[in-house]
Amino acid sequence: MPDRVLPSLNAVRSFVAVARHLSFTRAADELAVTQGAVSRMMQTLQADLGVELIRRVGRGIELTPTGAAFYGEASAALDRIAAAARAARAQEGGVLRVSALPTLTQRWLIPRLKGFQAENPDIQVEVSIGEHRVDFAKERIDVAIRYGVEDWPGAEIATLMPETMGVFCAPSLLEQGPPLLHPADLAQHRLLQHTTRPDSWRVYLAAFGLPLPEAALSLAFEHFFMIIEAASAGMGVALLPVFLAGDDVASGRLVQPFTETLRPRGRYLIAHAPGAERARRVRRFKDWLLTEVA
């Protein structure tokens, strides 16, 4: 068995500080203790090791040959301990890499992140946008927020929230255009399309027994935030997740002309690598997300 009878870590830290400065006073300042405390630590360490590490020369001090050798090894060992401590803390705090859907990031996640950061100042969140299914074994992403209905191989998933789709438009469209009181009235309006969900209008209308009026389909956009801007500019009627349109309705940029909504099969998901919740930063962020939608 290796010899594990170790000297006091505080005594070693004191010695390394003294050896670096060749001064008890400066070592005490660095360690934020009294000079007497450093002197006692040095006496303890030398007695423990049974050797002289430092000797007085005139009004100063110098390292003995044994002290010089011990200083090199002890200083390097303390550096390794500090590095190990930083790595361990990174498992608890450190950087949390989050990939989320574009509009959800812009309209929902970012406005709330201040609260998470206030509660967890040791966790640095790095946010990127994406819509693909993350391969957590290959990509440097800790948590992904996605929309879907399928299983996710190589990931643990939890439901963040279901989705409710509603119809929205600019107030001016109601004032100047044809009536828009029921889903059937949509046939008289321009329907803004979502290119990554091309069947969304068809599915919505079918839920109320209505056909898709192909002639009503209008401009198409890749992301919901683009559709929100187009709708608020009076360019057509938008089919949007209700939670993403809330702020625009509150500000008067959009209105919801009727209350008929649809809850699709899809849901918003929180995903991470299997077992990743053992890291405090992942666990805290996931719990925070679920609290935000509760």
C-alpha atoms as a PDB file:
ATOM      1  CA  MET A   1       0.000   0.000   0.000  1.00  0.00           C
ATOM      2  CA  PRO A   2       1.345   3.496  -0.788  1.00  0.00           C
ATOM      3  CA  ASP A   3       2.219   5.730   2.126  1.00  0.00           C
ATOM      4  CA  ARG A   4      -0.828   7.969   2.595  1.00  0.00           C
ATOM      5  CA  VAL A   5       0.345   9.712   5.773  1.00  0.00           C
ATOM      6  CA  LEU A   6       0.106  13.254   4.458  1.00  0.00           C
ATOM      7  CA  PRO A   7       1.009  16.570   6.054  1.00  0.00           C
ATOM      8  CA  SER A   8      -1.607  19.220   6.673  1.00  0.00           C
ATOM      9  CA  LEU A   9      -2.819  20.795   3.429  1.00  0.00           C
ATOM     10  CA  ASN A  10      -2.949  24.201   5.109  1.00  0.00           C
ATOM     11  CA  ALA A  11       0.639  23.759   6.248  1.00  0.00           C
ATOM     12  CA  VAL A  12       1.711  22.870   2.708  1.00  0.00           C
ATOM     13  CA  ARG A  13      -0.127  25.919   1.326  1.00  0.00           C
ATOM     14  CA  SER A  14       1.635  28.099   3.876  1.00  0.00           C
ATOM     15  CA  PHE A  15       5.027  26.665   2.972  1.00  0.00           C
ATOM     16  CA  VAL A  16       4.464  27.152  -0.772  1.00  0.00           C
ATOM     17  CA  ALA A  17       3.500  30.793  -0.179  1.00  0.00           C
ATOM     18  CA  VAL A  18       6.541  31.383   2.017  1.00  0.00           C
ATOM     19  CA  ALA A  19       8.852  29.660  -0.463  1.00  0.00           C
ATOM     20  CA  ARG A  20       7.444  31.650  -3.375  1.00  0.00           C
ATOM     21  CA  HIS A  21       7.895  35.025  -1.664  1.00  0.00           C
ATOM     22  CA  LEU A  22      10.783  34.119   0.662  1.00  0.00           C
ATOM     23  CA  SER A  23       8.884  36.220   3.164  1.00  0.00           C
ATOM     24  CA  PHE A  24       6.587  35.322   6.046  1.00  0.00           C
ATOM     25  CA  THR A  25       4.934  38.726   5.821  1.00  0.00           C
ATOM     26  CA  ARG A  26       4.035  38.496   2.116  1.00  0.00           C
ATOM     27  CA  ALA A  27       2.930  34.875   2.549  1.00  0.00           C
ATOM     28  CA  ALA A  28       0.614  35.943   5.370  1.00  0.00           C
ATOM     29  CA  ASP A  29      -0.849  38.700   3.165  1.00  0.00           C
ATOM     30  CA  GLU A  30      -1.469  36.230   0.330  1.00  0.00           C
ATOM     31  CA  LEU A  31      -3.173  33.730   2.625  1.00  0.00           C
ATOM     32  CA  ALA A  32      -5.100  36.427   4.535  1.00  0.00           C
ATOM     33  CA  VAL A  33      -3.811  35.180   7.907  1.00  0.00           C
ATOM     34  CA  THR A  34      -1.424  36.534  10.511  1.00  0.00           C
ATOM     35  CA  GLN A  35       2.345  36.181  10.241  1.00  0.00           C
ATOM     36  CA  GLY A  36       2.276  34.201  13.485  1.00  0.00           C
ATOM     37  CA  ALA A  37      -0.166  31.707  11.953  1.00  0.00           C
ATOM     38  CA  VAL A  38       2.164  31.163   8.982  1.00  0.00           C
ATOM     39  CA  SER A  39       5.130  30.692  11.327  1.00  0.00           C
ATOM     40  CA  ARG A  40       3.238  28.093  13.354  1.00  0.00           C
ATOM     41  CA  MET A  41       2.233  26.245  10.170  1.00  0.00           C
ATOM     42  CA  MET A  42       5.864  26.147   9.077  1.00  0.00           C
ATOM     43  CA  GLN A  43       6.944  24.733  12.436  1.00  0.00           C
ATOM     44  CA  THR A  44       4.206  22.097  12.233  1.00  0.00           C
ATOM     45  CA  LEU A  45       5.187  21.064   8.703  1.00  0.00           C
ATOM     46  CA  GLN A  46       8.901  20.791   9.436  1.00  0.00           C
ATOM     47  CA  ALA A  47       8.196  18.791  12.579  1.00  0.00           C
ATOM     48  CA  ASP A  48       5.831  16.518  10.670  1.00  0.00           C
ATOM     49  CA  LEU A  49       8.385  15.879   7.918  1.00  0.00           C
ATOM     50  CA  GLY A  50      11.339  15.756  10.291  1.00  0.00           C
ATOM     51  CA  VAL A  51      13.451  17.979   8.065  1.00  0.00           C
ATOM     52  CA  GLU A  52      14.422  21.633   7.783  1.00  0.00           C
ATOM     53  CA  LEU A  53      12.778  23.327   4.785  1.00  0.00           C
ATOM     54  CA  ILE A  54      13.638  26.967   5.428  1.00  0.00           C
ATOM     55  CA  ARG A  55      16.484  28.605   7.292  1.00  0.00           C
ATOM     56  CA  ARG A  56      17.223  32.159   8.269  1.00  0.00           C
ATOM     57  CA  VAL A  57      20.051  34.010   6.540  1.00  0.00           C
ATOM     58  CA  GLY A  58      20.793  37.388   8.070  1.00  0.00           C
ATOM     59  CA  ARG A  59      17.516  39.302   8.109  1.00  0.00           C
ATOM     60  CA  GLY A  60      15.911  37.080   5.456  1.00  0.00           C
ATOM     61  CA  ILE A  61      15.181  33.408   4.766  1.00  0.00           C
ATOM     62  CA  GLU A  62      16.167  30.881   2.133  1.00  0.00           C
ATOM     63  CA  LEU A  63      15.151  27.367   1.144  1.00  0.00           C
ATOM     64  CA  THR A  64      17.312  24.437   2.128  1.00  0.00           C
ATOM     65  CA  PRO A  65      18.098  21.946  -0.676  1.00  0.00           C
ATOM     66  CA  THR A  66      15.373  19.701   0.741  1.00  0.00           C
ATOM     67  CA  GLY A  67      13.017  22.676   0.930  1.00  0.00           C
ATOM     68  CA  ALA A  68      13.702  23.628  -2.693  1.00  0.00           C
ATOM     69  CA  ALA A  69      12.937  20.089  -3.864  1.00  0.00           C
ATOM     70  CA  PHE A  70       9.806  19.907  -1.729  1.00  0.00           C
ATOM     71  CA  TYR A  71       8.649  23.326  -2.984  1.00  0.00           C
ATOM     72  CA  GLY A  72       8.752  22.208  -6.629  1.00  0.00           C
ATOM     73  CA  GLU A  73       6.716  19.079  -5.953  1.00  0.00           C
ATOM     74  CA  ALA A  74       4.294  20.694  -3.483  1.00  0.00           C
ATOM     75  CA  SER A  75       3.605  23.699  -5.716  1.00  0.00           C
ATOM     76  CA  ALA A  76       2.850  21.442  -8.674  1.00  0.00           C
ATOM     77  CA  ALA A  77       0.613  19.262  -6.485  1.00  0.00           C
ATOM     78  CA  LEU A  78      -1.398  22.280  -5.307  1.00  0.00           C
ATOM     79  CA  ASP A  79      -1.838  23.372  -8.930  1.00  0.00           C
ATOM     80  CA  ARG A  80      -3.195  19.914  -9.772  1.00  0.00           C
ATOM     81  CA  ILE A  81      -5.570  20.019  -6.803  1.00  0.00           C
ATOM     82  CA  ALA A  82      -6.816  23.456  -7.918  1.00  0.00           C
ATOM     83  CA  ALA A  83      -7.377  22.169 -11.463  1.00  0.00           C
ATOM     84  CA  ALA A  84      -9.251  19.132 -10.140  1.00  0.00           C
ATOM     85  CA  ALA A  85     -11.399  21.400  -7.973  1.00  0.00           C
ATOM     86  CA  ARG A  86     -12.257  23.597 -10.982  1.00  0.00           C
ATOM     87  CA  ALA A  87     -13.226  20.513 -12.980  1.00  0.00           C
ATOM     88  CA  ALA A  88     -15.390  19.239 -10.138  1.00  0.00           C
ATOM     89  CA  ARG A  89     -17.121  22.600  -9.768  1.00  0.00           C
ATOM     90  CA  ALA A  90     -17.759  22.642 -13.514  1.00  0.00           C
ATOM     91  CA  GLN A  91     -19.863  19.525 -13.044  1.00  0.00           C
ATOM     92  CA  GLU A  92     -22.045  21.449 -10.616  1.00  0.00           C
ATOM     93  CA  GLY A  93     -21.948  24.937 -12.078  1.00  0.00           C
ATOM     94  CA  GLY A  94     -19.909  26.040 -15.049  1.00  0.00           C
ATOM     95  CA  VAL A  95     -21.168  26.373 -18.614  1.00  0.00           C
ATOM     96  CA  LEU A  96     -24.584  25.041 -19.629  1.00  0.00           C
ATOM     97  CA  ARG A  97     -25.029  24.762 -23.397  1.00  0.00           C
ATOM     98  CA  VAL A  98     -28.678  25.010 -24.474  1.00  0.00           C
ATOM     99  CA  SER A  99     -30.070  24.584 -27.985  1.00  0.00           C
ATOM    100  CA  ALA A 100     -33.651  25.741 -28.475  1.00  0.00           C
ATOM    101  CA  LEU A 101     -36.141  26.475 -31.233  1.00  0.00           C
ATOM    102  CA  PRO A 102     -35.670  29.913 -32.842  1.00  0.00           C
ATOM    103  CA  THR A 103     -38.962  31.632 -31.974  1.00  0.00           C
ATOM    104  CA  LEU A 104     -39.265  29.941 -28.591  1.00  0.00           C
ATOM    105  CA  THR A 105     -35.764  31.216 -27.812  1.00  0.00           C
ATOM    106  CA  GLN A 106     -36.514  34.771 -28.901  1.00  0.00           C
ATOM    107  CA  ARG A 107     -40.027  35.164 -27.537  1.00  0.00           C
ATOM    108  CA  TRP A 108     -40.119  32.874 -24.494  1.00  0.00           C
ATOM    109  CA  LEU A 109     -36.731  31.663 -23.269  1.00  0.00           C
ATOM    110  CA  ILE A 110     -34.545  34.775 -23.403  1.00  0.00           C
ATOM    111  CA  PRO A 111     -37.016  37.055 -21.599  1.00  0.00           C
ATOM    112  CA  ARG A 112     -37.059  34.566 -18.704  1.00  0.00           C
ATOM    113  CA  LEU A 113     -33.346  33.757 -18.477  1.00  0.00           C
ATOM    114  CA  LYS A 114     -32.647  36.689 -16.178  1.00  0.00           C
ATOM    115  CA  GLY A 115     -34.581  34.881 -13.461  1.00  0.00           C
ATOM    116  CA  PHE A 116     -32.610  31.665 -13.885  1.00  0.00           C
ATOM    117  CA  GLN A 117     -29.324  33.540 -13.837  1.00  0.00           C
ATOM    118  CA  ALA A 118     -30.293  35.384 -10.655  1.00  0.00           C
ATOM    119  CA  GLU A 119     -31.052  32.078  -8.926  1.00  0.00           C
ATOM    120  CA  ASN A 120     -27.970  30.314 -10.322  1.00  0.00           C
ATOM    121  CA  PRO A 121     -25.134  32.835 -10.717  1.00  0.00           C
ATOM    122  CA  ASP A 122     -22.526  30.049 -10.918  1.00  0.00           C
ATOM    123  CA  ILE A 123     -24.110  28.595 -14.081  1.00  0.00           C
ATOM    124  CA  GLN A 124     -23.208  30.327 -17.340  1.00  0.00           C
ATOM    125  CA  VAL A 125     -25.873  29.628 -19.960  1.00  0.00           C
ATOM    126  CA  GLU A 126     -24.845  29.569 -23.622  1.00  0.00           C
ATOM    127  CA  VAL A 127     -27.867  29.583 -25.939  1.00  0.00           C
ATOM    128  CA  SER A 128     -27.906  28.566 -29.580  1.00  0.00           C
ATOM    129  CA  ILE A 129     -30.829  27.940 -31.897  1.00  0.00           C
ATOM    130  CA  GLY A 130     -31.600  24.721 -33.713  1.00  0.00           C
ATOM    131  CA  GLU A 131     -34.394  22.433 -34.819  1.00  0.00           C
ATOM    132  CA  HIS A 132     -32.550  19.191 -35.537  1.00  0.00           C
ATOM    133  CA  ARG A 133     -32.528  16.133 -33.319  1.00  0.00           C
ATOM    134  CA  VAL A 134     -29.359  16.514 -31.270  1.00  0.00           C
ATOM    135  CA  ASP A 135     -26.869  13.667 -31.016  1.00  0.00           C
ATOM    136  CA  PHE A 136     -25.753  14.233 -27.443  1.00  0.00           C
ATOM    137  CA  ALA A 137     -22.894  11.742 -27.832  1.00  0.00           C
ATOM    138  CA  LYS A 138     -21.287  13.884 -30.531  1.00  0.00           C
ATOM    139  CA  GLU A 139     -22.508  17.466 -30.054  1.00  0.00           C
ATOM    140  CA  ARG A 140     -21.476  19.838 -27.266  1.00  0.00           C
ATOM    141  CA  ILE A 141     -25.038  20.495 -26.145  1.00  0.00           C
ATOM    142  CA  ASP A 142     -26.292  19.832 -22.626  1.00  0.00           C
ATOM    143  CA  VAL A 143     -30.009  20.516 -23.047  1.00  0.00           C
ATOM    144  CA  ALA A 144     -32.181  20.824 -26.154  1.00  0.00           C
ATOM    145  CA  ILE A 145     -35.712  22.207 -26.416  1.00  0.00           C
ATOM    146  CA  ARG A 146     -37.553  20.842 -29.415  1.00  0.00           C
ATOM    147  CA  TYR A 147     -41.028  20.213 -30.798  1.00  0.00           C
ATOM    148  CA  GLY A 148     -42.181  16.757 -31.834  1.00  0.00           C
ATOM    149  CA  VAL A 149     -44.073  13.581 -31.123  1.00  0.00           C
ATOM    150  CA  GLU A 150     -41.460  10.877 -31.732  1.00  0.00           C
ATOM    151  CA  ASP A 151     -39.073   9.072 -29.435  1.00  0.00           C
ATOM    152  CA  TRP A 152     -35.499  10.335 -29.375  1.00  0.00           C
ATOM    153  CA  PRO A 153     -32.844   7.598 -29.446  1.00  0.00           C
ATOM    154  CA  GLY A 154     -29.846   8.344 -27.261  1.00  0.00           C
ATOM    155  CA  ALA A 155     -31.686  10.949 -25.198  1.00  0.00           C
ATOM    156  CA  GLU A 156     -33.858  11.293 -22.153  1.00  0.00           C
ATOM    157  CA  ILE A 157     -36.902  13.452 -22.885  1.00  0.00           C
ATOM    158  CA  ALA A 158     -39.543  15.139 -20.786  1.00  0.00           C
ATOM    159  CA  THR A 159     -42.577  17.151 -21.829  1.00  0.00           C
ATOM    160  CA  LEU A 160     -42.048  20.871 -21.381  1.00  0.00           C
ATOM    161  CA  MET A 161     -45.591  21.746 -22.441  1.00  0.00           C
ATOM    162  CA  PRO A 162     -48.269  20.854 -24.976  1.00  0.00           C
ATOM    163  CA  GLU A 163     -49.023  23.232 -27.825  1.00  0.00           C
ATOM    164  CA  THR A 164     -52.249  25.111 -28.448  1.00  0.00           C
ATOM    165  CA  MET A 165     -52.649  26.723 -31.867  1.00  0.00           C
ATOM    166  CA  GLY A 166     -54.815  29.777 -32.407  1.00  0.00           C
ATOM    167  CA  VAL A 167     -55.609  32.248 -35.175  1.00  0.00           C
ATOM    168  CA  PHE A 168     -54.163  35.776 -34.999  1.00  0.00           C
ATOM    169  CA  CYS A 169     -54.066  38.877 -37.165  1.00  0.00           C
ATOM    170  CA  ALA A 170     -53.427  42.611 -37.043  1.00  0.00           C
ATOM    171  CA  PRO A 171     -56.281  44.785 -35.691  1.00  0.00           C
ATOM    172  CA  SER A 172     -56.330  46.669 -39.009  1.00  0.00           C
ATOM    173  CA  LEU A 173     -57.237  43.472 -40.837  1.00  0.00           C
ATOM    174  CA  LEU A 174     -60.464  43.208 -38.853  1.00  0.00           C
ATOM    175  CA  GLU A 175     -61.270  46.839 -39.452  1.00  0.00           C
ATOM    176  CA  GLN A 176     -60.648  46.837 -43.208  1.00  0.00           C
ATOM    177  CA  GLY A 177     -61.090  43.259 -44.395  1.00  0.00           C
ATOM    178  CA  PRO A 178     -63.911  40.725 -44.661  1.00  0.00           C
ATOM    179  CA  PRO A 179     -65.474  39.410 -41.430  1.00  0.00           C
ATOM    180  CA  LEU A 180     -63.369  37.051 -39.343  1.00  0.00           C
ATOM    181  CA  LEU A 181     -65.636  35.669 -36.642  1.00  0.00           C
ATOM    182  CA  HIS A 182     -65.409  31.910 -37.152  1.00  0.00           C
ATOM    183  CA  PRO A 183     -62.944  29.424 -38.707  1.00  0.00           C
ATOM    184  CA  ALA A 184     -65.158  29.269 -41.818  1.00  0.00           C
ATOM    185  CA  ASP A 185     -64.370  32.933 -42.478  1.00  0.00           C
ATOM    186  CA  LEU A 186     -60.708  32.097 -43.053  1.00  0.00           C
ATOM    187  CA  ALA A 187     -61.496  31.218 -46.676  1.00  0.00           C
ATOM    188  CA  GLN A 188     -61.924  34.953 -47.331  1.00  0.00           C
ATOM    189  CA  HIS A 189     -58.465  35.867 -46.030  1.00  0.00           C
ATOM    190  CA  ARG A 190     -54.825  35.360 -46.917  1.00  0.00           C
ATOM    191  CA  LEU A 191     -53.362  32.556 -44.796  1.00  0.00           C
ATOM    192  CA  LEU A 192     -49.697  32.937 -43.872  1.00  0.00           C
ATOM    193  CA  GLN A 193     -47.850  29.627 -44.135  1.00  0.00           C
ATOM    194  CA  HIS A 194     -45.146  27.975 -42.034  1.00  0.00           C
ATOM    195  CA  THR A 195     -42.723  26.179 -44.366  1.00  0.00           C
ATOM    196  CA  THR A 196     -41.618  23.620 -41.766  1.00  0.00           C
ATOM    197  CA  ARG A 197     -45.250  22.817 -40.917  1.00  0.00           C
ATOM    198  CA  PRO A 198     -46.881  22.909 -44.348  1.00  0.00           C
ATOM    199  CA  ASP A 199     -50.014  21.030 -43.247  1.00  0.00           C
ATOM    200  CA  SER A 200     -50.810  23.180 -40.212  1.00  0.00           C
ATOM    201  CA  TRP A 201     -53.705  25.087 -41.801  1.00  0.00           C
ATOM    202  CA  ARG A 202     -55.153  21.900 -43.278  1.00  0.00           C
ATOM    203  CA  VAL A 203     -55.045  20.150 -39.897  1.00  0.00           C
ATOM    204  CA  TYR A 204     -56.543  23.151 -38.110  1.00  0.00           C
ATOM    205  CA  LEU A 205     -59.447  23.556 -40.524  1.00  0.00           C
ATOM    206  CA  ALA A 206     -60.120  19.814 -40.643  1.00  0.00           C
ATOM    207  CA  ALA A 207     -60.642  19.877 -36.869  1.00  0.00           C
ATOM    208  CA  PHE A 208     -63.734  22.043 -37.546  1.00  0.00           C
ATOM    209  CA  GLY A 209     -64.910  20.071 -40.584  1.00  0.00           C
ATOM    210  CA  LEU A 210     -63.655  22.622 -43.086  1.00  0.00           C
ATOM    211  CA  PRO A 211     -61.607  22.145 -46.283  1.00  0.00           C
ATOM    212  CA  LEU A 212     -58.399  24.012 -46.948  1.00  0.00           C
ATOM    213  CA  PRO A 213     -59.066  26.888 -49.371  1.00  0.00           C
ATOM    214  CA  GLU A 214     -55.963  26.539 -51.548  1.00  0.00           C
ATOM    215  CA  ALA A 215     -56.545  29.951 -53.111  1.00  0.00           C
ATOM    216  CA  ALA A 216     -56.283  31.575 -49.682  1.00  0.00           C
ATOM    217  CA  LEU A 217     -52.736  30.376 -49.030  1.00  0.00           C
ATOM    218  CA  SER A 218     -50.357  33.306 -49.121  1.00  0.00           C
ATOM    219  CA  LEU A 219     -46.769  34.100 -48.170  1.00  0.00           C
ATOM    220  CA  ALA A 220     -44.684  31.385 -46.512  1.00  0.00           C
ATOM    221  CA  PHE A 221     -42.051  31.796 -43.781  1.00  0.00           C
ATOM    222  CA  GLU A 222     -39.592  29.451 -42.099  1.00  0.00           C
ATOM    223  CA  HIS A 223     -40.056  30.580 -38.491  1.00  0.00           C
ATOM    224  CA  PHE A 224     -42.928  31.655 -36.289  1.00  0.00           C
ATOM    225  CA  PHE A 225     -41.255  34.965 -35.417  1.00  0.00           C
ATOM    226  CA  MET A 226     -41.324  35.827 -39.135  1.00  0.00           C
ATOM    227  CA  ILE A 227     -44.999  34.927 -39.345  1.00  0.00           C
ATOM    228  CA  ILE A 228     -45.728  37.072 -36.278  1.00  0.00           C
ATOM    229  CA  GLU A 229     -44.076  40.070 -37.936  1.00  0.00           C
ATOM    230  CA  ALA A 230     -45.921  39.488 -41.217  1.00  0.00           C
ATOM    231  CA  ALA A 231     -49.256  39.165 -39.427  1.00  0.00           C
ATOM    232  CA  SER A 232     -48.681  42.297 -37.330  1.00  0.00           C
ATOM    233  CA  ALA A 233     -47.933  44.182 -40.571  1.00  0.00           C
ATOM    234  CA  GLY A 234     -51.380  43.199 -41.900  1.00  0.00           C
ATOM    235  CA  MET A 235     -50.045  40.810 -44.533  1.00  0.00           C
ATOM    236  CA  GLY A 236     -52.435  37.989 -43.643  1.00  0.00           C
ATOM    237  CA  VAL A 237     -53.776  35.713 -40.935  1.00  0.00           C
ATOM    238  CA  ALA A 238     -51.408  33.626 -38.835  1.00  0.00           C
ATOM    239  CA  LEU A 239     -51.821  30.256 -37.155  1.00  0.00           C
ATOM    240  CA  LEU A 240     -49.573  30.464 -34.104  1.00  0.00           C
ATOM    241  CA  PRO A 241     -48.821  28.761 -30.805  1.00  0.00           C
ATOM    242  CA  VAL A 242     -50.885  30.793 -28.345  1.00  0.00           C
ATOM    243  CA  PHE A 243     -48.027  31.202 -25.858  1.00  0.00           C
ATOM    244  CA  LEU A 244     -45.769  32.747 -28.519  1.00  0.00           C
ATOM    245  CA  ALA A 245     -48.345  35.377 -29.470  1.00  0.00           C
ATOM    246  CA  GLY A 246     -49.220  36.453 -25.930  1.00  0.00           C
ATOM    247  CA  ASP A 247     -46.943  39.498 -25.738  1.00  0.00           C
ATOM    248  CA  ASP A 248     -48.066  40.761 -29.147  1.00  0.00           C
ATOM    249  CA  VAL A 249     -51.704  40.442 -28.159  1.00  0.00           C
ATOM    250  CA  ALA A 250     -51.014  42.261 -24.886  1.00  0.00           C
ATOM    251  CA  SER A 251     -49.293  45.107 -26.755  1.00  0.00           C
ATOM    252  CA  GLY A 252     -52.097  45.380 -29.333  1.00  0.00           C
ATOM    253  CA  ARG A 253     -49.966  44.333 -32.313  1.00  0.00           C
ATOM    254  CA  LEU A 254     -52.096  41.230 -32.801  1.00  0.00           C
ATOM    255  CA  VAL A 255     -55.624  40.156 -31.937  1.00  0.00           C
ATOM    256  CA  GLN A 256     -57.192  36.723 -31.667  1.00  0.00           C
ATOM    257  CA  PRO A 257     -60.451  37.175 -33.606  1.00  0.00           C
ATOM    258  CA  PHE A 258     -62.127  34.006 -32.323  1.00  0.00           C
ATOM    259  CA  THR A 259     -61.481  31.516 -29.563  1.00  0.00           C
ATOM    260  CA  GLU A 260     -61.449  28.256 -31.539  1.00  0.00           C
ATOM    261  CA  THR A 261     -58.062  26.617 -30.982  1.00  0.00           C
ATOM    262  CA  LEU A 262     -56.449  23.283 -31.744  1.00  0.00           C
ATOM    263  CA  ARG A 263     -54.098  21.177 -29.649  1.00  0.00           C
ATOM    264  CA  PRO A 264     -51.920  19.156 -32.072  1.00  0.00           C
ATOM    265  CA  ARG A 265     -50.307  15.826 -31.211  1.00  0.00           C
ATOM    266  CA  GLY A 266     -46.900  17.473 -31.005  1.00  0.00           C
ATOM    267  CA  ARG A 267     -45.428  18.775 -27.764  1.00  0.00           C
ATOM    268  CA  TYR A 268     -42.460  20.819 -26.672  1.00  0.00           C
ATOM    269  CA  LEU A 269     -39.730  18.592 -25.294  1.00  0.00           C
ATOM    270  CA  ILE A 270     -36.744  18.952 -22.984  1.00  0.00           C
ATOM    271  CA  ALA A 271     -33.993  16.552 -24.039  1.00  0.00           C
ATOM    272  CA  HIS A 272     -30.554  15.709 -22.695  1.00  0.00           C
ATOM    273  CA  ALA A 273     -28.103  12.829 -22.674  1.00  0.00           C
ATOM    274  CA  PRO A 274     -29.020   9.819 -20.509  1.00  0.00           C
ATOM    275  CA  GLY A 275     -27.901  10.468 -16.952  1.00  0.00           C
ATOM    276  CA  ALA A 276     -27.055  14.124 -17.612  1.00  0.00           C
ATOM    277  CA  GLU A 277     -29.322  15.199 -14.752  1.00  0.00           C
ATOM    278  CA  ARG A 278     -26.625  14.046 -12.358  1.00  0.00           C
ATOM    279  CA  ALA A 279     -24.894  17.334 -13.215  1.00  0.00           C
ATOM    280  CA  ARG A 280     -26.408  20.064 -11.073  1.00  0.00           C
ATOM    281  CA  ARG A 281     -26.430  22.623 -13.891  1.00  0.00           C
ATOM    282  CA  VAL A 282     -28.611  20.368 -16.090  1.00  0.00           C
ATOM    283  CA  ARG A 283     -30.887  19.390 -13.226  1.00  0.00           C
ATOM    284  CA  ARG A 284     -31.402  22.986 -12.099  1.00  0.00           C
ATOM    285  CA  PHE A 285     -32.126  24.246 -15.620  1.00  0.00           C
ATOM    286  CA  LYS A 286     -34.594  21.467 -16.349  1.00  0.00           C
ATOM    287  CA  ASP A 287     -36.402  22.031 -13.047  1.00  0.00           C
ATOM    288  CA  TRP A 288     -36.501  25.768 -13.760  1.00  0.00           C
ATOM    289  CA  LEU A 289     -38.015  25.224 -17.216  1.00  0.00           C
ATOM    290  CA  LEU A 290     -40.753  23.030 -15.790  1.00  0.00           C
ATOM    291  CA  THR A 291     -41.464  25.594 -13.083  1.00  0.00           C
ATOM    292  CA  GLU A 292     -41.809  28.339 -15.693  1.00  0.00           C
ATOM    293  CA  VAL A 293     -44.591  26.491 -17.507  1.00  0.00           C
ATOM    294  CA  ALA A 294     -46.362  25.192 -14.398  1.00  0.00           C
END
